[in-house]
Amino acid sequence: MATQAINNSQNKNVCDLPPVIAGALEQEAVTTTYPTGAVLFAEGQVPRGIFIVRRGRVKLSICGSDGRTLILRIVEPGSPLGVAAVVSGRQYEATAETQEPSEISFLRQSDLLRLMRVHGELTLWVTQHISQDYAFTCREIRDLILSDSATEKLARLLVGWLDQNSDSKHPSQMKLALTHEEIGQMIGTSRETVSRLFAGFKKQRLIQQSGSTLVIPSRIALESLITA
């Protein structure tokens, strides 16, 4: 799941805003440094405002009735969090937790709504962000449901992390910043299963790993595991 976990370039972020509007947001926002594991907001909380990741990474997750955690995605710098909840007035639908020391800007709900009334381009940007989030979630649910096995789910995740412009016939590499437990939470399986799958992928020469660097020798070979 979560095909944008490492590459979030397709999401709308503050860099897409005109300088005047980005400056207005900057003026109203309060920026704070958070340690690893800090909870910015929790699933079910009444929205107070939006958070913009300036530096670091933030994990978005939901918790099932059985206590299991499912990671929706890892949010990279430049991306806002909690936008849909703030605009709709509904509770936050996920929990946002820093994955590493991070710098986060906070903009109050009232300030965002006021700026949206003043700046039409900001309103359009917010609408586009919510629309992309919705499309992303639908795509992730589809991938999770249509994947018949944990093997296919992991293959989908790794392929999704690759640069879409990378050469499919030549090796690609990435930094793997997630633990096997976190990867399991992204594809709905256990840490033990992820470890077993990684070992199998290495044995089949589908992946190579040196420390936190993961190498995909052939994207085509990995994609061959994806049937849906």
C-alpha atoms as a PDB file:
ATOM      1  CA  MET A   1       0.000   0.000   0.000  1.00  0.00           C
ATOM      2  CA  ALA A   2       0.913   3.707   0.209  1.00  0.00           C
ATOM      3  CA  THR A   3       2.661   4.107  -3.080  1.00  0.00           C
ATOM      4  CA  GLN A   4       3.660   7.685  -2.278  1.00  0.00           C
ATOM      5  CA  ALA A   5       5.406   6.786   0.925  1.00  0.00           C
ATOM      6  CA  ILE A   6       8.794   7.933  -0.265  1.00  0.00           C
ATOM      7  CA  ASN A   7       8.016   9.911  -3.393  1.00  0.00           C
ATOM      8  CA  ASN A   8       5.351  12.497  -2.595  1.00  0.00           C
ATOM      9  CA  SER A   9       6.043  14.685  -5.606  1.00  0.00           C
ATOM     10  CA  GLN A  10       2.571  14.195  -7.078  1.00  0.00           C
ATOM     11  CA  ASN A  11       0.860  15.770  -4.034  1.00  0.00           C
ATOM     12  CA  LYS A  12      -0.051  19.421  -3.881  1.00  0.00           C
ATOM     13  CA  ASN A  13       2.329  21.214  -1.522  1.00  0.00           C
ATOM     14  CA  VAL A  14       3.041  24.781  -0.459  1.00  0.00           C
ATOM     15  CA  CYS A  15       5.662  25.158  -3.199  1.00  0.00           C
ATOM     16  CA  ASP A  16       2.797  25.161  -5.721  1.00  0.00           C
ATOM     17  CA  LEU A  17       1.291  28.336  -4.246  1.00  0.00           C
ATOM     18  CA  PRO A  18       2.024  31.820  -5.609  1.00  0.00           C
ATOM     19  CA  PRO A  19       4.640  33.624  -3.477  1.00  0.00           C
ATOM     20  CA  VAL A  20       2.088  36.144  -2.180  1.00  0.00           C
ATOM     21  CA  ILE A  21      -0.216  33.417  -0.843  1.00  0.00           C
ATOM     22  CA  ALA A  22       2.655  31.302   0.490  1.00  0.00           C
ATOM     23  CA  GLY A  23       3.887  34.414   2.301  1.00  0.00           C
ATOM     24  CA  ALA A  24       0.432  35.013   3.810  1.00  0.00           C
ATOM     25  CA  LEU A  25       0.379  31.460   5.132  1.00  0.00           C
ATOM     26  CA  GLU A  26       3.889  31.863   6.507  1.00  0.00           C
ATOM     27  CA  GLN A  27       2.912  35.043   8.313  1.00  0.00           C
ATOM     28  CA  GLU A  28      -0.065  33.443  10.047  1.00  0.00           C
ATOM     29  CA  ALA A  29       1.556  30.100  10.845  1.00  0.00           C
ATOM     30  CA  VAL A  30       3.564  29.131  13.924  1.00  0.00           C
ATOM     31  CA  THR A  31       6.544  26.855  13.268  1.00  0.00           C
ATOM     32  CA  THR A  32       7.751  24.396  15.908  1.00  0.00           C
ATOM     33  CA  THR A  33      10.445  21.708  16.049  1.00  0.00           C
ATOM     34  CA  TYR A  34       9.203  18.277  17.164  1.00  0.00           C
ATOM     35  CA  PRO A  35      11.146  15.184  18.262  1.00  0.00           C
ATOM     36  CA  THR A  36      10.634  11.734  16.779  1.00  0.00           C
ATOM     37  CA  GLY A  37       7.322  10.193  17.850  1.00  0.00           C
ATOM     38  CA  ALA A  38       5.466  13.453  18.512  1.00  0.00           C
ATOM     39  CA  VAL A  39       1.726  13.235  17.785  1.00  0.00           C
ATOM     40  CA  LEU A  40       0.530  16.308  15.888  1.00  0.00           C
ATOM     41  CA  PHE A  41      -3.101  15.225  16.007  1.00  0.00           C
ATOM     42  CA  ALA A  42      -4.973  12.022  16.737  1.00  0.00           C
ATOM     43  CA  GLU A  43      -7.681  10.147  14.897  1.00  0.00           C
ATOM     44  CA  GLY A  44     -11.078  11.332  16.147  1.00  0.00           C
ATOM     45  CA  GLN A  45      -9.917  14.685  17.508  1.00  0.00           C
ATOM     46  CA  VAL A  46     -11.802  17.880  16.691  1.00  0.00           C
ATOM     47  CA  PRO A  47      -9.700  19.801  14.118  1.00  0.00           C
ATOM     48  CA  ARG A  48      -7.755  22.809  15.391  1.00  0.00           C
ATOM     49  CA  GLY A  49      -5.953  23.673  12.173  1.00  0.00           C
ATOM     50  CA  ILE A  50      -3.655  22.351   9.477  1.00  0.00           C
ATOM     51  CA  PHE A  51      -0.028  21.319   9.804  1.00  0.00           C
ATOM     52  CA  ILE A  52       2.580  21.849   7.093  1.00  0.00           C
ATOM     53  CA  VAL A  53       5.701  19.687   7.099  1.00  0.00           C
ATOM     54  CA  ARG A  54       8.731  21.953   6.639  1.00  0.00           C
ATOM     55  CA  ARG A  55      11.446  19.444   7.504  1.00  0.00           C
ATOM     56  CA  GLY A  56      11.348  15.765   8.403  1.00  0.00           C
ATOM     57  CA  ARG A  57       8.659  13.175   7.748  1.00  0.00           C
ATOM     58  CA  VAL A  58       5.268  12.445   9.311  1.00  0.00           C
ATOM     59  CA  LYS A  59       3.416   9.125   9.470  1.00  0.00           C
ATOM     60  CA  LEU A  60      -0.341   9.094   8.873  1.00  0.00           C
ATOM     61  CA  SER A  61      -2.082   6.042  10.325  1.00  0.00           C
ATOM     62  CA  ILE A  62      -5.463   4.714  11.386  1.00  0.00           C
ATOM     63  CA  CYS A  63      -6.304   2.165  14.061  1.00  0.00           C
ATOM     64  CA  GLY A  64      -8.825  -0.647  13.589  1.00  0.00           C
ATOM     65  CA  SER A  65     -11.326  -1.895  16.150  1.00  0.00           C
ATOM     66  CA  ASP A  66      -9.055  -4.896  16.738  1.00  0.00           C
ATOM     67  CA  GLY A  67      -6.171  -2.608  17.711  1.00  0.00           C
ATOM     68  CA  ARG A  68      -4.168  -3.115  14.529  1.00  0.00           C
ATOM     69  CA  THR A  69      -2.518  -0.081  12.947  1.00  0.00           C
ATOM     70  CA  LEU A  70      -2.567   0.651   9.228  1.00  0.00           C
ATOM     71  CA  ILE A  71      -0.134   3.260   7.919  1.00  0.00           C
ATOM     72  CA  LEU A  72      -1.754   5.288   5.147  1.00  0.00           C
ATOM     73  CA  ARG A  73       1.401   7.021   3.973  1.00  0.00           C
ATOM     74  CA  ILE A  74       4.528   8.907   4.962  1.00  0.00           C
ATOM     75  CA  VAL A  75       4.226  12.650   4.367  1.00  0.00           C
ATOM     76  CA  GLU A  76       7.272  14.505   3.076  1.00  0.00           C
ATOM     77  CA  PRO A  77       8.315  18.192   3.441  1.00  0.00           C
ATOM     78  CA  GLY A  78       6.058  20.743   1.752  1.00  0.00           C
ATOM     79  CA  SER A  79       2.854  18.777   2.293  1.00  0.00           C
ATOM     80  CA  PRO A  80      -0.089  19.897   4.456  1.00  0.00           C
ATOM     81  CA  LEU A  81      -1.899  17.667   6.932  1.00  0.00           C
ATOM     82  CA  GLY A  82      -5.475  17.782   8.204  1.00  0.00           C
ATOM     83  CA  VAL A  83      -6.835  19.950   5.396  1.00  0.00           C
ATOM     84  CA  ALA A  84     -10.048  17.972   4.748  1.00  0.00           C
ATOM     85  CA  ALA A  85     -10.950  17.877   8.442  1.00  0.00           C
ATOM     86  CA  VAL A  86     -10.370  21.605   8.886  1.00  0.00           C
ATOM     87  CA  VAL A  87     -12.446  22.578   5.826  1.00  0.00           C
ATOM     88  CA  SER A  88     -15.306  20.161   6.572  1.00  0.00           C
ATOM     89  CA  GLY A  89     -15.286  20.705  10.334  1.00  0.00           C
ATOM     90  CA  ARG A  90     -15.216  16.937  10.874  1.00  0.00           C
ATOM     91  CA  GLN A  91     -12.850  15.053  13.152  1.00  0.00           C
ATOM     92  CA  TYR A  92      -9.329  14.204  12.010  1.00  0.00           C
ATOM     93  CA  GLU A  93      -9.595  10.859  10.214  1.00  0.00           C
ATOM     94  CA  ALA A  94      -6.062   9.693  10.991  1.00  0.00           C
ATOM     95  CA  THR A  95      -3.242  10.117  13.487  1.00  0.00           C
ATOM     96  CA  ALA A  96      -0.196  12.152  12.437  1.00  0.00           C
ATOM     97  CA  GLU A  97       3.091  11.249  14.148  1.00  0.00           C
ATOM     98  CA  THR A  98       6.609  12.451  13.348  1.00  0.00           C
ATOM     99  CA  GLN A  99       8.939   9.770  11.997  1.00  0.00           C
ATOM    100  CA  GLU A 100      12.070  11.786  12.767  1.00  0.00           C
ATOM    101  CA  PRO A 101      12.975  15.192  14.242  1.00  0.00           C
ATOM    102  CA  SER A 102      10.747  17.524  12.230  1.00  0.00           C
ATOM    103  CA  GLU A 103       9.919  21.170  11.720  1.00  0.00           C
ATOM    104  CA  ILE A 104       6.178  21.706  11.435  1.00  0.00           C
ATOM    105  CA  SER A 105       4.133  24.849  10.801  1.00  0.00           C
ATOM    106  CA  PHE A 106       0.654  25.115  12.318  1.00  0.00           C
ATOM    107  CA  LEU A 107      -2.117  27.310  10.896  1.00  0.00           C
ATOM    108  CA  ARG A 108      -5.328  27.709  12.877  1.00  0.00           C
ATOM    109  CA  GLN A 109      -8.609  26.664  11.312  1.00  0.00           C
ATOM    110  CA  SER A 110     -10.051  30.179  11.507  1.00  0.00           C
ATOM    111  CA  ASP A 111      -6.971  31.670   9.823  1.00  0.00           C
ATOM    112  CA  LEU A 112      -7.030  29.170   6.960  1.00  0.00           C
ATOM    113  CA  LEU A 113     -10.733  29.734   6.291  1.00  0.00           C
ATOM    114  CA  ARG A 114     -10.248  33.505   6.390  1.00  0.00           C
ATOM    115  CA  LEU A 115      -7.357  33.339   3.923  1.00  0.00           C
ATOM    116  CA  MET A 116      -9.411  31.084   1.650  1.00  0.00           C
ATOM    117  CA  ARG A 117     -12.157  33.726   1.519  1.00  0.00           C
ATOM    118  CA  VAL A 118      -9.589  36.357   0.542  1.00  0.00           C
ATOM    119  CA  HIS A 119      -7.467  34.360  -1.908  1.00  0.00           C
ATOM    120  CA  GLY A 120      -9.291  32.387  -4.593  1.00  0.00           C
ATOM    121  CA  GLU A 121      -6.079  30.631  -5.634  1.00  0.00           C
ATOM    122  CA  LEU A 122      -5.664  29.274  -2.098  1.00  0.00           C
ATOM    123  CA  THR A 123      -9.216  27.906  -2.211  1.00  0.00           C
ATOM    124  CA  LEU A 124      -8.434  26.187  -5.515  1.00  0.00           C
ATOM    125  CA  TRP A 125      -5.198  24.770  -4.072  1.00  0.00           C
ATOM    126  CA  VAL A 126      -7.060  23.405  -1.032  1.00  0.00           C
ATOM    127  CA  THR A 127      -9.719  21.841  -3.275  1.00  0.00           C
ATOM    128  CA  GLN A 128      -7.082  20.216  -5.462  1.00  0.00           C
ATOM    129  CA  HIS A 129      -5.252  18.866  -2.406  1.00  0.00           C
ATOM    130  CA  ILE A 130      -8.434  17.304  -0.993  1.00  0.00           C
ATOM    131  CA  SER A 131      -9.279  15.840  -4.404  1.00  0.00           C
ATOM    132  CA  GLN A 132      -5.820  14.299  -4.760  1.00  0.00           C
ATOM    133  CA  ASP A 133      -6.028  12.866  -1.250  1.00  0.00           C
ATOM    134  CA  TYR A 134      -9.361  11.260  -2.117  1.00  0.00           C
ATOM    135  CA  ALA A 135      -8.033   9.789  -5.375  1.00  0.00           C
ATOM    136  CA  PHE A 136      -4.913   8.539  -3.589  1.00  0.00           C
ATOM    137  CA  THR A 137      -6.982   6.822  -0.889  1.00  0.00           C
ATOM    138  CA  CYS A 138      -9.252   5.155  -3.463  1.00  0.00           C
ATOM    139  CA  ARG A 139      -6.219   3.872  -5.355  1.00  0.00           C
ATOM    140  CA  GLU A 140      -4.666   2.509  -2.174  1.00  0.00           C
ATOM    141  CA  ILE A 141      -7.865   0.742  -1.124  1.00  0.00           C
ATOM    142  CA  ARG A 142      -8.152  -0.755  -4.596  1.00  0.00           C
ATOM    143  CA  ASP A 143      -4.572  -2.043  -4.470  1.00  0.00           C
ATOM    144  CA  LEU A 144      -5.077  -3.520  -1.011  1.00  0.00           C
ATOM    145  CA  ILE A 145      -8.309  -5.283  -1.928  1.00  0.00           C
ATOM    146  CA  LEU A 146      -7.250  -6.540  -5.361  1.00  0.00           C
ATOM    147  CA  SER A 147      -3.873  -7.864  -4.237  1.00  0.00           C
ATOM    148  CA  ASP A 148      -4.303 -11.563  -3.605  1.00  0.00           C
ATOM    149  CA  SER A 149      -1.269 -12.063  -1.399  1.00  0.00           C
ATOM    150  CA  ALA A 150       1.208 -10.342   0.883  1.00  0.00           C
ATOM    151  CA  THR A 151       3.845 -10.978  -1.800  1.00  0.00           C
ATOM    152  CA  GLU A 152       1.909  -8.915  -4.330  1.00  0.00           C
ATOM    153  CA  LYS A 153       1.200  -6.172  -1.782  1.00  0.00           C
ATOM    154  CA  LEU A 154       4.889  -5.812  -0.970  1.00  0.00           C
ATOM    155  CA  ALA A 155       5.792  -5.798  -4.658  1.00  0.00           C
ATOM    156  CA  ARG A 156       3.224  -3.033  -5.257  1.00  0.00           C
ATOM    157  CA  LEU A 157       4.675  -1.007  -2.395  1.00  0.00           C
ATOM    158  CA  LEU A 158       8.262  -1.271  -3.640  1.00  0.00           C
ATOM    159  CA  VAL A 159       7.317  -0.506  -7.255  1.00  0.00           C
ATOM    160  CA  GLY A 160       5.326   2.488  -6.059  1.00  0.00           C
ATOM    161  CA  TRP A 161       8.362   3.831  -4.248  1.00  0.00           C
ATOM    162  CA  LEU A 162      10.434   3.819  -7.409  1.00  0.00           C
ATOM    163  CA  ASP A 163      10.776   6.964  -9.466  1.00  0.00           C
ATOM    164  CA  GLN A 164       8.151   6.662 -12.194  1.00  0.00           C
ATOM    165  CA  ASN A 165      10.730   7.931 -14.685  1.00  0.00           C
ATOM    166  CA  SER A 166      13.338   5.347 -13.769  1.00  0.00           C
ATOM    167  CA  ASP A 167      14.594   2.909 -16.392  1.00  0.00           C
ATOM    168  CA  SER A 168      12.608  -0.300 -15.942  1.00  0.00           C
ATOM    169  CA  LYS A 169      15.455  -2.466 -17.256  1.00  0.00           C
ATOM    170  CA  HIS A 170      18.266  -1.079 -15.140  1.00  0.00           C
ATOM    171  CA  PRO A 171      18.870  -1.105 -11.351  1.00  0.00           C
ATOM    172  CA  SER A 172      17.188   1.549  -9.209  1.00  0.00           C
ATOM    173  CA  GLN A 173      17.921   2.314  -5.598  1.00  0.00           C
ATOM    174  CA  MET A 174      16.228   4.043  -2.693  1.00  0.00           C
ATOM    175  CA  LYS A 175      16.727   4.723   0.988  1.00  0.00           C
ATOM    176  CA  LEU A 176      14.558   2.408   3.076  1.00  0.00           C
ATOM    177  CA  ALA A 177      13.734   4.441   6.179  1.00  0.00           C
ATOM    178  CA  LEU A 178      10.914   2.204   7.456  1.00  0.00           C
ATOM    179  CA  THR A 179      11.178  -0.840   9.710  1.00  0.00           C
ATOM    180  CA  HIS A 180       9.718  -4.188   8.721  1.00  0.00           C
ATOM    181  CA  GLU A 181       6.973  -3.615  11.280  1.00  0.00           C
ATOM    182  CA  GLU A 182       6.049  -0.279   9.665  1.00  0.00           C
ATOM    183  CA  ILE A 183       6.079  -1.828   6.205  1.00  0.00           C
ATOM    184  CA  GLY A 184       3.770  -4.523   7.546  1.00  0.00           C
ATOM    185  CA  GLN A 185       1.441  -1.799   8.794  1.00  0.00           C
ATOM    186  CA  MET A 186       1.389  -0.317   5.295  1.00  0.00           C
ATOM    187  CA  ILE A 187       0.360  -3.536   3.555  1.00  0.00           C
ATOM    188  CA  GLY A 188      -1.777  -5.043   6.306  1.00  0.00           C
ATOM    189  CA  THR A 189       0.449  -7.890   7.433  1.00  0.00           C
ATOM    190  CA  SER A 190       2.840  -8.806  10.238  1.00  0.00           C
ATOM    191  CA  ARG A 191       6.495  -7.888  10.739  1.00  0.00           C
ATOM    192  CA  GLU A 192       7.406 -11.570  10.541  1.00  0.00           C
ATOM    193  CA  THR A 193       5.720 -11.896   7.153  1.00  0.00           C
ATOM    194  CA  VAL A 194       7.541  -8.826   5.813  1.00  0.00           C
ATOM    195  CA  SER A 195      10.897 -10.195   6.994  1.00  0.00           C
ATOM    196  CA  ARG A 196      10.145 -13.528   5.317  1.00  0.00           C
ATOM    197  CA  LEU A 197       9.124 -11.811   2.083  1.00  0.00           C
ATOM    198  CA  PHE A 198      12.253  -9.652   2.028  1.00  0.00           C
ATOM    199  CA  ALA A 199      14.370 -12.768   2.489  1.00  0.00           C
ATOM    200  CA  GLY A 200      12.529 -14.451  -0.375  1.00  0.00           C
ATOM    201  CA  PHE A 201      12.876 -11.420  -2.653  1.00  0.00           C
ATOM    202  CA  LYS A 202      16.612 -11.336  -1.964  1.00  0.00           C
ATOM    203  CA  LYS A 203      16.922 -15.056  -2.715  1.00  0.00           C
ATOM    204  CA  GLN A 204      15.102 -14.532  -6.023  1.00  0.00           C
ATOM    205  CA  ARG A 205      17.410 -11.560  -6.755  1.00  0.00           C
ATOM    206  CA  LEU A 206      14.408  -9.241  -6.965  1.00  0.00           C
ATOM    207  CA  ILE A 207      16.034  -6.892  -4.447  1.00  0.00           C
ATOM    208  CA  GLN A 208      19.445  -6.268  -2.912  1.00  0.00           C
ATOM    209  CA  GLN A 209      20.044  -4.462   0.354  1.00  0.00           C
ATOM    210  CA  SER A 210      23.049  -2.832   1.979  1.00  0.00           C
ATOM    211  CA  GLY A 211      22.161  -1.151   5.238  1.00  0.00           C
ATOM    212  CA  SER A 212      19.270   1.219   4.551  1.00  0.00           C
ATOM    213  CA  THR A 213      19.921   1.242   0.787  1.00  0.00           C
ATOM    214  CA  LEU A 214      17.560  -0.942  -1.219  1.00  0.00           C
ATOM    215  CA  VAL A 215      18.429  -1.786  -4.821  1.00  0.00           C
ATOM    216  CA  ILE A 216      15.871  -3.034  -7.347  1.00  0.00           C
ATOM    217  CA  PRO A 217      17.899  -4.763 -10.118  1.00  0.00           C
ATOM    218  CA  SER A 218      14.920  -5.016 -12.474  1.00  0.00           C
ATOM    219  CA  ARG A 219      11.658  -3.160 -12.104  1.00  0.00           C
ATOM    220  CA  ILE A 220      10.096  -5.446 -14.718  1.00  0.00           C
ATOM    221  CA  ALA A 221      10.913  -8.535 -12.635  1.00  0.00           C
ATOM    222  CA  LEU A 222       9.305  -6.996  -9.553  1.00  0.00           C
ATOM    223  CA  GLU A 223       6.236  -5.872 -11.510  1.00  0.00           C
ATOM    224  CA  SER A 224       5.775  -9.445 -12.722  1.00  0.00           C
ATOM    225  CA  LEU A 225       4.541 -10.298  -9.209  1.00  0.00           C
ATOM    226  CA  ILE A 226       1.649  -7.848  -9.573  1.00  0.00           C
ATOM    227  CA  THR A 227      -1.350  -9.497 -11.194  1.00  0.00           C
ATOM    228  CA  ALA A 228      -4.258  -7.093 -10.565  1.00  0.00           C
END
